[in-house]
Structures are given as C-alpha cells and as structure tokens.
Amino acid sequence: MIPMAKIIAVANRKGGVGKTTTVICLGFFVGRRGRKVLLVDLDPQNALSAALSTPGEKASGAVGIFRGETDANRIVSRTVLPSVDLLPYACPTPMRTGAERPAAKGKPVPTSLDYEALFATPKTAAVFGRALLKISGNYDYVLVDSPPGSSAVVRFALAHAESVIIPLQCQPLALRIMPRILSDIRELIETSNARLSIEGVLLTMYDFYEPTSENIAGQVWSYFPKKSTFRAVIRKSPVFEQIFDSETNPLLAEDLPEELLDYDVIAQLILAREPSRTPASGGPLSQQDAIPSAAASSIKDRQAATKSAG
C-alpha cells in the first residue's frame, strides 16, 4: 500500500490563539512517536519558519513553488525536531502588510498582499496543490500553519486539507468568533473540499485558576460533538513562548516541561483515530499510541491536581 499522509490545517480567524505553537508542538510529539511529519508554513509572518529554520538557509519556500522558481523537494529542510521537516513560507523576514512598498535598490519590496494574490489565482494554486500532494507521500502527517483571518491563503489551506484543527483561546471574544469560523468551513465543504472535516476544536491558554476558562470549556464541550472536539486542554504557560527561541527551546530539553505534555495528549488522540493508515515510517500503531488516561480526565480533576501541585 502506498503511504498516504494526512494533511491537517491549523486555522482560526483570530490571531494569537496558538496556531503556530500548535503546529510546532504537535509536529514534535507526533514525530517523537515514530511518525514522519512535514510542517508547511503558509503564514506571511514566518513565525514557524523563523522558529525552526537553521541560519543560512536559502530564502525560498511555498511562494517559490507558486511562482515556478523551485521544486518542493529542493526546499524542504530538516529541523532540529526528530522526524520533522519544514516547508518554509518564502522569505527570511516577515512580509510587509498593506500597500506600503518601499524601494530596495530600485525594486519595490513585495507585501503580503502580493503573495495573497498568488494563492487566489487558480492556476498558481493548482501548481502548489500538485506539489503538496506529491511531496506528502513522503510523510505520515502534514501540518499546515495558516494566517489569521479568512484570506485566500486560509481558504487554500482548507481546500487542500483532510481535516482542520481550530485552536480556541479560552476567552469570550475567541468564542464569539466561532460561528464565523464554522461558516467558513461549511462553505469550503460545499464548494471545494467535500472531504474536509473538523479534526477538533482545541482549547488553548486554559487557566486552571480562572473560572472563565472552565466556563468556556463547558460551553464548547456541550455544544460540539465529541468527535469534533479534543476533550483535553492546552494550559496557559510562558513555556510555550520559549519554543520560538532557538537557545531556550524547551522541546530540545532532556526533561520536557510538564506543560508541553498537554500536546502529547492531543498527538496521541490524533494517532489513535488512524488505525488503518499505513505510516510512511513503517509499522502499525503501537500501544504507545493509545489514548492516555489524562485525555479522559475531567477539567475539575486536572484543576484540583494543578492547584495541589502549586
């Protein structure tokens, strides 16, 4: 059987909810459990590429494929994370936004709007879609980081994904925007990607000492069916900010901080849903991939344990 990667987009209209953090941490733990993972950076801010690219790498990536300047296999690079590769966005520094285009040696600096147009053009989008499909055969999972909003970039990511993870910050504002996110997904399913499903709504920045977090979790878990939500949370912690610092990245530590293991729970839940998929890395799902008991524990139990530890 030919290995087939599962392509998962990570998307939300709202920024600052943990999309890039989720892509990095899930990629790490899925790779740590013996799967081959490709991370695809489609966010013009380049946070994913900046966190995982090594100094001196060529400034080429997804946008180079769109423009026909390079081949996907040539720009995929290894990362410091085990079994995790990276397809970077495009350039060494974040794109400018808006219409400002200062000149550089007589040439205007491209803005994120210029690259947005590439994703919105059917011809160039098809080029990248074929490249992504071809290269995904080398992996078990492809995790796609997308920018906030409902831009052409986000629509492209969802149109080429098998499922989507929606990180949801445990704050009322983040919850209020959920109907619009779900509307976007329904539209994509009806118009361009009938196979798209919700891998799970993922509660992020959960504060065990803040009643608002528990209220948000209760609302989400009562509204969405179990198959569309992860019955586990990502706690709020400064540890997650450190993964973007190559010198202090806790994912590279011998002893992982406890907070990071929240993502290991999510990784195991995802792996447990794919018992029939043939891994590109070879071998069936192991007992290590079983759903951990922590995923089945209640928020109140975890909250009590956290407070006791504190």
C-alpha atoms as a PDB file:
ATOM      1  CA  MET A   1       0.000   0.000   0.000  1.00  0.00           C
ATOM      2  CA  ILE A   2       1.327   3.431  -0.914  1.00  0.00           C
ATOM      3  CA  PRO A   3       1.833   5.607   2.177  1.00  0.00           C
ATOM      4  CA  MET A   4      -0.604   8.494   2.336  1.00  0.00           C
ATOM      5  CA  ALA A   5      -0.146  11.488   4.570  1.00  0.00           C
ATOM      6  CA  LYS A   6      -2.972  13.022   6.481  1.00  0.00           C
ATOM      7  CA  ILE A   7      -2.994  16.764   5.762  1.00  0.00           C
ATOM      8  CA  ILE A   8      -4.241  18.794   8.722  1.00  0.00           C
ATOM      9  CA  ALA A   9      -4.669  22.550   8.525  1.00  0.00           C
ATOM     10  CA  VAL A  10      -4.492  24.607  11.715  1.00  0.00           C
ATOM     11  CA  ALA A  11      -6.715  27.648  11.294  1.00  0.00           C
ATOM     12  CA  ASN A  12      -8.690  30.336  13.086  1.00  0.00           C
ATOM     13  CA  ARG A  13      -9.885  33.785  12.049  1.00  0.00           C
ATOM     14  CA  LYS A  14      -8.464  35.220  15.263  1.00  0.00           C
ATOM     15  CA  GLY A  15      -4.756  35.779  15.790  1.00  0.00           C
ATOM     16  CA  GLY A  16      -2.859  34.946  18.951  1.00  0.00           C
ATOM     17  CA  VAL A  17      -4.765  31.758  19.722  1.00  0.00           C
ATOM     18  CA  GLY A  18      -1.806  29.387  19.395  1.00  0.00           C
ATOM     19  CA  LYS A  19      -1.920  28.224  15.781  1.00  0.00           C
ATOM     20  CA  THR A  20       1.837  28.173  15.178  1.00  0.00           C
ATOM     21  CA  THR A  21       2.528  26.834  18.658  1.00  0.00           C
ATOM     22  CA  THR A  22       0.091  24.014  17.954  1.00  0.00           C
ATOM     23  CA  VAL A  23       1.748  23.161  14.641  1.00  0.00           C
ATOM     24  CA  ILE A  24       5.223  23.033  16.202  1.00  0.00           C
ATOM     25  CA  CYS A  25       4.283  21.113  19.340  1.00  0.00           C
ATOM     26  CA  LEU A  26       2.005  18.620  17.603  1.00  0.00           C
ATOM     27  CA  GLY A  27       4.647  18.069  14.955  1.00  0.00           C
ATOM     28  CA  PHE A  28       7.204  17.401  17.673  1.00  0.00           C
ATOM     29  CA  PHE A  29       5.130  14.865  19.586  1.00  0.00           C
ATOM     30  CA  VAL A  30       3.776  13.083  16.504  1.00  0.00           C
ATOM     31  CA  GLY A  31       7.345  12.825  15.221  1.00  0.00           C
ATOM     32  CA  ARG A  32       8.530  11.668  18.628  1.00  0.00           C
ATOM     33  CA  ARG A  33       6.104   8.768  18.361  1.00  0.00           C
ATOM     34  CA  GLY A  34       7.700   7.463  15.214  1.00  0.00           C
ATOM     35  CA  ARG A  35       5.796   9.315  12.517  1.00  0.00           C
ATOM     36  CA  LYS A  36       7.313  11.331   9.709  1.00  0.00           C
ATOM     37  CA  VAL A  37       5.947  14.869   9.790  1.00  0.00           C
ATOM     38  CA  LEU A  38       6.076  17.808   7.390  1.00  0.00           C
ATOM     39  CA  LEU A  39       5.250  21.284   8.663  1.00  0.00           C
ATOM     40  CA  VAL A  40       4.088  23.737   5.989  1.00  0.00           C
ATOM     41  CA  ASP A  41       4.344  27.466   6.702  1.00  0.00           C
ATOM     42  CA  LEU A  42       1.706  29.471   4.832  1.00  0.00           C
ATOM     43  CA  ASP A  43       1.730  32.445   7.210  1.00  0.00           C
ATOM     44  CA  PRO A  44       3.453  35.583   5.820  1.00  0.00           C
ATOM     45  CA  GLN A  45       4.648  36.408   9.343  1.00  0.00           C
ATOM     46  CA  ASN A  46       7.093  33.479   9.067  1.00  0.00           C
ATOM     47  CA  ALA A  47       6.871  32.565  12.754  1.00  0.00           C
ATOM     48  CA  LEU A  48       7.045  28.843  12.020  1.00  0.00           C
ATOM     49  CA  SER A  49       9.959  29.209   9.614  1.00  0.00           C
ATOM     50  CA  ALA A  50      11.804  31.551  11.964  1.00  0.00           C
ATOM     51  CA  ALA A  51      11.452  29.117  14.860  1.00  0.00           C
ATOM     52  CA  LEU A  52      12.636  26.020  13.000  1.00  0.00           C
ATOM     53  CA  SER A  53      14.828  27.151  10.096  1.00  0.00           C
ATOM     54  CA  THR A  54      18.572  26.947  10.539  1.00  0.00           C
ATOM     55  CA  PRO A  55      20.765  30.025   9.893  1.00  0.00           C
ATOM     56  CA  GLY A  56      21.956  30.422   6.322  1.00  0.00           C
ATOM     57  CA  GLU A  57      19.111  28.525   4.666  1.00  0.00           C
ATOM     58  CA  LYS A  58      18.009  29.805   1.295  1.00  0.00           C
ATOM     59  CA  ALA A  59      15.082  32.194   1.293  1.00  0.00           C
ATOM     60  CA  SER A  60      12.796  30.042  -0.768  1.00  0.00           C
ATOM     61  CA  GLY A  61       9.653  28.186   0.061  1.00  0.00           C
ATOM     62  CA  ALA A  62       5.959  27.845  -0.663  1.00  0.00           C
ATOM     63  CA  VAL A  63       5.835  31.096  -2.606  1.00  0.00           C
ATOM     64  CA  GLY A  64       8.763  29.936  -4.745  1.00  0.00           C
ATOM     65  CA  ILE A  65       6.713  26.916  -5.765  1.00  0.00           C
ATOM     66  CA  PHE A  66       3.769  29.123  -6.684  1.00  0.00           C
ATOM     67  CA  ARG A  67       5.990  31.247  -8.903  1.00  0.00           C
ATOM     68  CA  GLY A  68       7.596  28.243 -10.553  1.00  0.00           C
ATOM     69  CA  GLU A  69      11.012  29.194  -9.181  1.00  0.00           C
ATOM     70  CA  THR A  70      11.755  25.971  -7.334  1.00  0.00           C
ATOM     71  CA  ASP A  71      10.689  22.397  -6.705  1.00  0.00           C
ATOM     72  CA  ALA A  72       9.147  21.364  -3.384  1.00  0.00           C
ATOM     73  CA  ASN A  73      11.662  18.585  -2.791  1.00  0.00           C
ATOM     74  CA  ARG A  74      14.506  21.076  -3.050  1.00  0.00           C
ATOM     75  CA  ILE A  75      13.288  23.449  -0.377  1.00  0.00           C
ATOM     76  CA  VAL A  76      12.050  21.048   2.266  1.00  0.00           C
ATOM     77  CA  SER A  77      14.579  21.059   5.072  1.00  0.00           C
ATOM     78  CA  ARG A  78      15.201  19.113   8.224  1.00  0.00           C
ATOM     79  CA  THR A  79      14.524  20.737  11.541  1.00  0.00           C
ATOM     80  CA  VAL A  80      16.054  20.196  14.960  1.00  0.00           C
ATOM     81  CA  LEU A  81      12.923  18.265  15.907  1.00  0.00           C
ATOM     82  CA  PRO A  82      13.087  14.484  15.381  1.00  0.00           C
ATOM     83  CA  SER A  83      11.333  13.186  12.262  1.00  0.00           C
ATOM     84  CA  VAL A  84      10.028  16.678  11.477  1.00  0.00           C
ATOM     85  CA  ASP A  85      10.748  18.532   8.213  1.00  0.00           C
ATOM     86  CA  LEU A  86       9.784  22.043   7.181  1.00  0.00           C
ATOM     87  CA  LEU A  87       8.454  23.623   4.019  1.00  0.00           C
ATOM     88  CA  PRO A  88       9.091  27.331   4.771  1.00  0.00           C
ATOM     89  CA  TYR A  89       6.927  30.191   3.622  1.00  0.00           C
ATOM     90  CA  ALA A  90       9.173  32.229   1.367  1.00  0.00           C
ATOM     91  CA  CYS A  91      11.494  34.828   2.725  1.00  0.00           C
ATOM     92  CA  PRO A  92      13.970  35.462   5.557  1.00  0.00           C
ATOM     93  CA  THR A  93      11.916  38.255   7.151  1.00  0.00           C
ATOM     94  CA  PRO A  94       8.175  38.783   7.648  1.00  0.00           C
ATOM     95  CA  MET A  95       6.296  40.297   4.755  1.00  0.00           C
ATOM     96  CA  ARG A  96       5.118  43.857   4.987  1.00  0.00           C
ATOM     97  CA  THR A  97       1.380  44.220   5.187  1.00  0.00           C
ATOM     98  CA  GLY A  98      -0.880  46.675   3.413  1.00  0.00           C
ATOM     99  CA  ALA A  99       0.061  48.735   0.415  1.00  0.00           C
ATOM    100  CA  GLU A 100       3.377  50.133   1.645  1.00  0.00           C
ATOM    101  CA  ARG A 101       6.068  49.209  -0.840  1.00  0.00           C
ATOM    102  CA  PRO A 102       9.387  50.956  -0.090  1.00  0.00           C
ATOM    103  CA  ALA A 103      12.005  50.642  -2.764  1.00  0.00           C
ATOM    104  CA  ALA A 104      15.057  48.414  -2.357  1.00  0.00           C
ATOM    105  CA  LYS A 105      17.775  49.004  -4.952  1.00  0.00           C
ATOM    106  CA  GLY A 106      15.144  50.346  -7.310  1.00  0.00           C
ATOM    107  CA  LYS A 107      12.718  47.460  -6.757  1.00  0.00           C
ATOM    108  CA  PRO A 108       9.626  47.554  -4.550  1.00  0.00           C
ATOM    109  CA  VAL A 109       9.608  45.239  -1.536  1.00  0.00           C
ATOM    110  CA  PRO A 110       6.783  42.730  -2.021  1.00  0.00           C
ATOM    111  CA  THR A 111       3.971  42.860   0.505  1.00  0.00           C
ATOM    112  CA  SER A 112       1.807  40.101   1.934  1.00  0.00           C
ATOM    113  CA  LEU A 113      -0.905  41.288  -0.453  1.00  0.00           C
ATOM    114  CA  ASP A 114       1.331  40.381  -3.399  1.00  0.00           C
ATOM    115  CA  TYR A 115       1.660  36.834  -2.133  1.00  0.00           C
ATOM    116  CA  GLU A 116      -2.019  36.699  -1.258  1.00  0.00           C
ATOM    117  CA  ALA A 117      -2.733  37.137  -4.952  1.00  0.00           C
ATOM    118  CA  LEU A 118      -0.714  34.008  -5.747  1.00  0.00           C
ATOM    119  CA  PHE A 119      -2.924  31.882  -3.527  1.00  0.00           C
ATOM    120  CA  ALA A 120      -6.068  33.401  -5.032  1.00  0.00           C
ATOM    121  CA  THR A 121      -5.085  32.571  -8.619  1.00  0.00           C
ATOM    122  CA  PRO A 122      -6.462  29.163  -9.686  1.00  0.00           C
ATOM    123  CA  LYS A 123      -3.502  28.376 -11.952  1.00  0.00           C
ATOM    124  CA  THR A 124      -0.799  29.018  -9.366  1.00  0.00           C
ATOM    125  CA  ALA A 125      -2.869  27.428  -6.598  1.00  0.00           C
ATOM    126  CA  ALA A 126      -3.133  24.261  -8.680  1.00  0.00           C
ATOM    127  CA  VAL A 127       0.653  24.195  -9.110  1.00  0.00           C
ATOM    128  CA  PHE A 128       1.200  24.266  -5.372  1.00  0.00           C
ATOM    129  CA  GLY A 129      -1.613  21.803  -4.748  1.00  0.00           C
ATOM    130  CA  ARG A 130       0.026  19.243  -7.022  1.00  0.00           C
ATOM    131  CA  ALA A 131       3.413  19.835  -5.386  1.00  0.00           C
ATOM    132  CA  LEU A 132       1.938  19.391  -1.917  1.00  0.00           C
ATOM    133  CA  LEU A 133       0.194  16.173  -2.916  1.00  0.00           C
ATOM    134  CA  LYS A 134       3.385  14.807  -4.433  1.00  0.00           C
ATOM    135  CA  ILE A 135       5.640  15.574  -1.507  1.00  0.00           C
ATOM    136  CA  SER A 136       3.124  14.460   1.120  1.00  0.00           C
ATOM    137  CA  GLY A 137       3.693  10.878   0.028  1.00  0.00           C
ATOM    138  CA  ASN A 138       6.975  11.000   1.938  1.00  0.00           C
ATOM    139  CA  TYR A 139       5.233  11.672   5.240  1.00  0.00           C
ATOM    140  CA  ASP A 140       2.612  10.347   7.613  1.00  0.00           C
ATOM    141  CA  TYR A 141       1.279  13.754   8.643  1.00  0.00           C
ATOM    142  CA  VAL A 142       1.397  17.198   7.071  1.00  0.00           C
ATOM    143  CA  LEU A 143       0.523  20.084   9.406  1.00  0.00           C
ATOM    144  CA  VAL A 144      -0.248  23.396   7.707  1.00  0.00           C
ATOM    145  CA  ASP A 145       0.153  26.683   9.584  1.00  0.00           C
ATOM    146  CA  SER A 146      -2.151  29.394   8.232  1.00  0.00           C
ATOM    147  CA  PRO A 147      -2.502  33.116   8.968  1.00  0.00           C
ATOM    148  CA  PRO A 148      -5.424  34.617  10.890  1.00  0.00           C
ATOM    149  CA  GLY A 149      -8.467  35.878   9.003  1.00  0.00           C
ATOM    150  CA  SER A 150     -10.319  34.287   6.107  1.00  0.00           C
ATOM    151  CA  SER A 151      -7.902  35.174   3.338  1.00  0.00           C
ATOM    152  CA  ALA A 152      -7.173  33.309   0.142  1.00  0.00           C
ATOM    153  CA  VAL A 153      -4.256  31.683   1.954  1.00  0.00           C
ATOM    154  CA  VAL A 154      -6.559  30.205   4.602  1.00  0.00           C
ATOM    155  CA  ARG A 155      -9.084  29.073   2.001  1.00  0.00           C
ATOM    156  CA  PHE A 156      -6.288  27.407   0.057  1.00  0.00           C
ATOM    157  CA  ALA A 157      -5.064  25.565   3.161  1.00  0.00           C
ATOM    158  CA  LEU A 158      -8.554  24.315   3.967  1.00  0.00           C
ATOM    159  CA  ALA A 159      -9.243  23.366   0.361  1.00  0.00           C
ATOM    160  CA  HIS A 160      -6.239  21.019   0.359  1.00  0.00           C
ATOM    161  CA  ALA A 161      -6.604  19.583   3.864  1.00  0.00           C
ATOM    162  CA  GLU A 162      -8.279  16.417   5.020  1.00  0.00           C
ATOM    163  CA  SER A 163      -9.159  17.989   8.340  1.00  0.00           C
ATOM    164  CA  VAL A 164      -8.741  21.168  10.362  1.00  0.00           C
ATOM    165  CA  ILE A 165      -7.728  21.846  13.945  1.00  0.00           C
ATOM    166  CA  ILE A 166      -9.249  25.023  15.370  1.00  0.00           C
ATOM    167  CA  PRO A 167      -7.241  26.369  18.316  1.00  0.00           C
ATOM    168  CA  LEU A 168      -9.620  28.286  20.569  1.00  0.00           C
ATOM    169  CA  GLN A 169      -8.260  30.612  23.209  1.00  0.00           C
ATOM    170  CA  CYS A 170     -10.221  30.315  26.452  1.00  0.00           C
ATOM    171  CA  GLN A 171     -11.565  33.862  26.263  1.00  0.00           C
ATOM    172  CA  PRO A 172     -15.116  35.098  25.477  1.00  0.00           C
ATOM    173  CA  LEU A 173     -14.003  37.054  22.389  1.00  0.00           C
ATOM    174  CA  ALA A 174     -12.437  33.973  20.855  1.00  0.00           C
ATOM    175  CA  LEU A 175     -15.607  32.004  21.492  1.00  0.00           C
ATOM    176  CA  ARG A 176     -17.833  34.635  19.853  1.00  0.00           C
ATOM    177  CA  ILE A 177     -15.977  34.337  16.573  1.00  0.00           C
ATOM    178  CA  MET A 178     -16.544  30.571  16.330  1.00  0.00           C
ATOM    179  CA  PRO A 179     -19.804  30.805  14.307  1.00  0.00           C
ATOM    180  CA  ARG A 180     -17.957  32.667  11.554  1.00  0.00           C
ATOM    181  CA  ILE A 181     -15.185  30.069  11.534  1.00  0.00           C
ATOM    182  CA  LEU A 182     -17.688  27.250  11.223  1.00  0.00           C
ATOM    183  CA  SER A 183     -19.448  29.134   8.435  1.00  0.00           C
ATOM    184  CA  ASP A 184     -16.156  29.379   6.536  1.00  0.00           C
ATOM    185  CA  ILE A 185     -15.605  25.636   6.908  1.00  0.00           C
ATOM    186  CA  ARG A 186     -19.136  24.760   5.772  1.00  0.00           C
ATOM    187  CA  GLU A 187     -18.689  26.957   2.710  1.00  0.00           C
ATOM    188  CA  LEU A 188     -15.427  25.205   1.813  1.00  0.00           C
ATOM    189  CA  ILE A 189     -17.031  21.803   2.213  1.00  0.00           C
ATOM    190  CA  GLU A 190     -19.915  22.773  -0.066  1.00  0.00           C
ATOM    191  CA  THR A 191     -17.814  24.474  -2.740  1.00  0.00           C
ATOM    192  CA  SER A 192     -14.362  22.949  -3.000  1.00  0.00           C
ATOM    193  CA  ASN A 193     -13.474  20.258  -0.461  1.00  0.00           C
ATOM    194  CA  ALA A 194     -16.231  17.818   0.441  1.00  0.00           C
ATOM    195  CA  ARG A 195     -13.849  15.605   2.416  1.00  0.00           C
ATOM    196  CA  LEU A 196     -12.847  18.352   4.860  1.00  0.00           C
ATOM    197  CA  SER A 197     -13.745  17.587   8.458  1.00  0.00           C
ATOM    198  CA  ILE A 198     -13.041  19.130  11.842  1.00  0.00           C
ATOM    199  CA  GLU A 199     -10.210  17.221  13.458  1.00  0.00           C
ATOM    200  CA  GLY A 200     -11.031  19.019  16.656  1.00  0.00           C
ATOM    201  CA  VAL A 201     -11.608  22.294  18.425  1.00  0.00           C
ATOM    202  CA  LEU A 202      -8.580  22.663  20.693  1.00  0.00           C
ATOM    203  CA  LEU A 203      -8.866  24.762  23.835  1.00  0.00           C
ATOM    204  CA  THR A 204      -5.650  26.735  24.352  1.00  0.00           C
ATOM    205  CA  MET A 205      -4.329  29.047  27.069  1.00  0.00           C
ATOM    206  CA  TYR A 206      -6.504  27.327  29.654  1.00  0.00           C
ATOM    207  CA  ASP A 207      -6.012  28.861  33.094  1.00  0.00           C
ATOM    208  CA  PHE A 208      -6.804  26.397  35.864  1.00  0.00           C
ATOM    209  CA  TYR A 209      -7.139  29.286  38.304  1.00  0.00           C
ATOM    210  CA  GLU A 210      -9.554  31.299  36.173  1.00  0.00           C
ATOM    211  CA  PRO A 211     -13.296  30.378  36.160  1.00  0.00           C
ATOM    212  CA  THR A 212     -13.652  31.862  32.659  1.00  0.00           C
ATOM    213  CA  SER A 213     -11.563  29.044  31.215  1.00  0.00           C
ATOM    214  CA  GLU A 214     -13.735  26.396  32.797  1.00  0.00           C
ATOM    215  CA  ASN A 215     -16.875  28.176  31.565  1.00  0.00           C
ATOM    216  CA  ILE A 216     -15.560  28.380  28.006  1.00  0.00           C
ATOM    217  CA  ALA A 217     -14.595  24.702  28.078  1.00  0.00           C
ATOM    218  CA  GLY A 218     -18.043  23.758  29.344  1.00  0.00           C
ATOM    219  CA  GLN A 219     -19.763  25.714  26.583  1.00  0.00           C
ATOM    220  CA  VAL A 220     -17.563  24.275  23.832  1.00  0.00           C
ATOM    221  CA  TRP A 221     -17.828  20.695  25.023  1.00  0.00           C
ATOM    222  CA  SER A 222     -21.592  20.894  25.454  1.00  0.00           C
ATOM    223  CA  TYR A 223     -22.146  22.480  22.023  1.00  0.00           C
ATOM    224  CA  PHE A 224     -19.791  20.408  19.853  1.00  0.00           C
ATOM    225  CA  PRO A 225     -19.988  16.622  19.478  1.00  0.00           C
ATOM    226  CA  LYS A 226     -17.137  14.637  20.979  1.00  0.00           C
ATOM    227  CA  LYS A 227     -15.730  13.743  17.585  1.00  0.00           C
ATOM    228  CA  SER A 228     -15.260  17.453  16.784  1.00  0.00           C
ATOM    229  CA  THR A 229     -13.504  18.497  19.987  1.00  0.00           C
ATOM    230  CA  PHE A 230     -10.467  17.386  21.918  1.00  0.00           C
ATOM    231  CA  ARG A 231     -11.567  16.549  25.463  1.00  0.00           C
ATOM    232  CA  ALA A 232      -8.250  17.855  26.742  1.00  0.00           C
ATOM    233  CA  VAL A 233      -6.790  21.334  27.048  1.00  0.00           C
ATOM    234  CA  ILE A 234      -3.546  23.233  26.483  1.00  0.00           C
ATOM    235  CA  ARG A 235      -2.801  25.158  29.617  1.00  0.00           C
ATOM    236  CA  LYS A 236      -1.609  28.751  29.738  1.00  0.00           C
ATOM    237  CA  SER A 237       2.134  28.892  30.337  1.00  0.00           C
ATOM    238  CA  PRO A 238       5.168  31.024  29.371  1.00  0.00           C
ATOM    239  CA  VAL A 239       6.888  27.790  28.384  1.00  0.00           C
ATOM    240  CA  PHE A 240       5.158  27.899  25.008  1.00  0.00           C
ATOM    241  CA  GLU A 241       6.679  31.287  24.193  1.00  0.00           C
ATOM    242  CA  GLN A 242      10.157  29.788  24.592  1.00  0.00           C
ATOM    243  CA  ILE A 243       9.752  27.362  21.698  1.00  0.00           C
ATOM    244  CA  PHE A 244      10.389  30.301  19.358  1.00  0.00           C
ATOM    245  CA  ASP A 245      13.839  30.883  20.890  1.00  0.00           C
ATOM    246  CA  SER A 246      16.452  28.526  19.455  1.00  0.00           C
ATOM    247  CA  GLU A 247      18.649  28.920  22.536  1.00  0.00           C
ATOM    248  CA  THR A 248      15.973  28.141  25.125  1.00  0.00           C
ATOM    249  CA  ASN A 249      13.585  25.939  23.149  1.00  0.00           C
ATOM    250  CA  PRO A 250      12.151  23.573  25.787  1.00  0.00           C
ATOM    251  CA  LEU A 251      11.355  20.971  23.112  1.00  0.00           C
ATOM    252  CA  LEU A 252      15.099  20.323  22.930  1.00  0.00           C
ATOM    253  CA  ALA A 253      15.496  19.787  26.660  1.00  0.00           C
ATOM    254  CA  GLU A 254      16.257  16.323  28.004  1.00  0.00           C
ATOM    255  CA  ASP A 255      13.416  16.632  30.503  1.00  0.00           C
ATOM    256  CA  LEU A 256      10.361  18.180  28.896  1.00  0.00           C
ATOM    257  CA  PRO A 257       8.368  20.688  30.957  1.00  0.00           C
ATOM    258  CA  GLU A 258       5.041  19.256  32.097  1.00  0.00           C
ATOM    259  CA  GLU A 259       3.082  21.900  30.202  1.00  0.00           C
ATOM    260  CA  LEU A 260       4.379  20.651  26.855  1.00  0.00           C
ATOM    261  CA  LEU A 261       2.950  17.210  27.541  1.00  0.00           C
ATOM    262  CA  ASP A 262      -0.524  18.684  27.026  1.00  0.00           C
ATOM    263  CA  TYR A 263       0.257  18.495  23.316  1.00  0.00           C
ATOM    264  CA  ASP A 264       1.412  14.899  23.653  1.00  0.00           C
ATOM    265  CA  VAL A 265      -2.119  14.071  24.801  1.00  0.00           C
ATOM    266  CA  ILE A 266      -3.509  15.688  21.649  1.00  0.00           C
ATOM    267  CA  ALA A 267      -0.956  13.917  19.461  1.00  0.00           C
ATOM    268  CA  GLN A 268      -1.982  10.557  20.872  1.00  0.00           C
ATOM    269  CA  LEU A 269      -5.649  11.315  20.315  1.00  0.00           C
ATOM    270  CA  ILE A 270      -4.925  12.096  16.661  1.00  0.00           C
ATOM    271  CA  LEU A 271      -2.825   8.964  16.154  1.00  0.00           C
ATOM    272  CA  ALA A 272      -5.479   6.797  17.768  1.00  0.00           C
ATOM    273  CA  ARG A 273      -8.000   7.938  15.151  1.00  0.00           C
ATOM    274  CA  GLU A 274      -5.937   6.487  12.295  1.00  0.00           C
ATOM    275  CA  PRO A 275      -5.655   2.749  12.987  1.00  0.00           C
ATOM    276  CA  SER A 276      -5.894   1.763   9.296  1.00  0.00           C
ATOM    277  CA  ARG A 277      -3.488   4.324   7.844  1.00  0.00           C
ATOM    278  CA  THR A 278      -0.191   2.905   6.539  1.00  0.00           C
ATOM    279  CA  PRO A 279       2.624   5.012   8.038  1.00  0.00           C
ATOM    280  CA  ALA A 280       5.322   6.247   5.658  1.00  0.00           C
ATOM    281  CA  SER A 281       7.717   5.498   8.500  1.00  0.00           C
ATOM    282  CA  GLY A 282       6.589   1.867   8.501  1.00  0.00           C
ATOM    283  CA  GLY A 283       4.899  -0.262  11.126  1.00  0.00           C
ATOM    284  CA  PRO A 284       1.451  -0.201  12.675  1.00  0.00           C
ATOM    285  CA  LEU A 285       0.262   1.967  15.523  1.00  0.00           C
ATOM    286  CA  SER A 286       1.863   0.800  18.758  1.00  0.00           C
ATOM    287  CA  GLN A 287       0.483   0.513  22.255  1.00  0.00           C
ATOM    288  CA  GLN A 288       2.349   3.741  22.972  1.00  0.00           C
ATOM    289  CA  ASP A 289      -0.143   5.450  20.670  1.00  0.00           C
ATOM    290  CA  ALA A 290      -3.141   4.551  22.837  1.00  0.00           C
ATOM    291  CA  ILE A 291      -5.314   7.335  24.219  1.00  0.00           C
ATOM    292  CA  PRO A 292      -3.781   8.426  27.544  1.00  0.00           C
ATOM    293  CA  SER A 293      -5.875   8.434  30.673  1.00  0.00           C
ATOM    294  CA  ALA A 294      -5.183  12.161  31.024  1.00  0.00           C
ATOM    295  CA  ALA A 295      -7.343  12.814  27.977  1.00  0.00           C
ATOM    296  CA  ALA A 296     -10.333  11.215  29.657  1.00  0.00           C
ATOM    297  CA  SER A 297      -9.933  13.009  32.980  1.00  0.00           C
ATOM    298  CA  SER A 298     -12.262  15.857  33.789  1.00  0.00           C
ATOM    299  CA  ILE A 299     -11.267  19.502  33.874  1.00  0.00           C
ATOM    300  CA  LYS A 300     -12.111  19.631  37.560  1.00  0.00           C
ATOM    301  CA  ASP A 301      -9.801  16.700  38.330  1.00  0.00           C
ATOM    302  CA  ARG A 302      -6.932  18.325  36.419  1.00  0.00           C
ATOM    303  CA  GLN A 303      -7.655  21.662  38.026  1.00  0.00           C
ATOM    304  CA  ALA A 304      -7.526  20.119  41.500  1.00  0.00           C
ATOM    305  CA  ALA A 305      -4.269  18.341  40.691  1.00  0.00           C
ATOM    306  CA  THR A 306      -2.693  21.535  39.368  1.00  0.00           C
ATOM    307  CA  LYS A 307      -3.696  23.536  42.422  1.00  0.00           C
ATOM    308  CA  SER A 308      -2.347  20.823  44.728  1.00  0.00           C
ATOM    309  CA  ALA A 309       0.959  20.826  42.867  1.00  0.00           C
ATOM    310  CA  GLY A 310       1.104  24.613  43.210  1.00  0.00           C
END
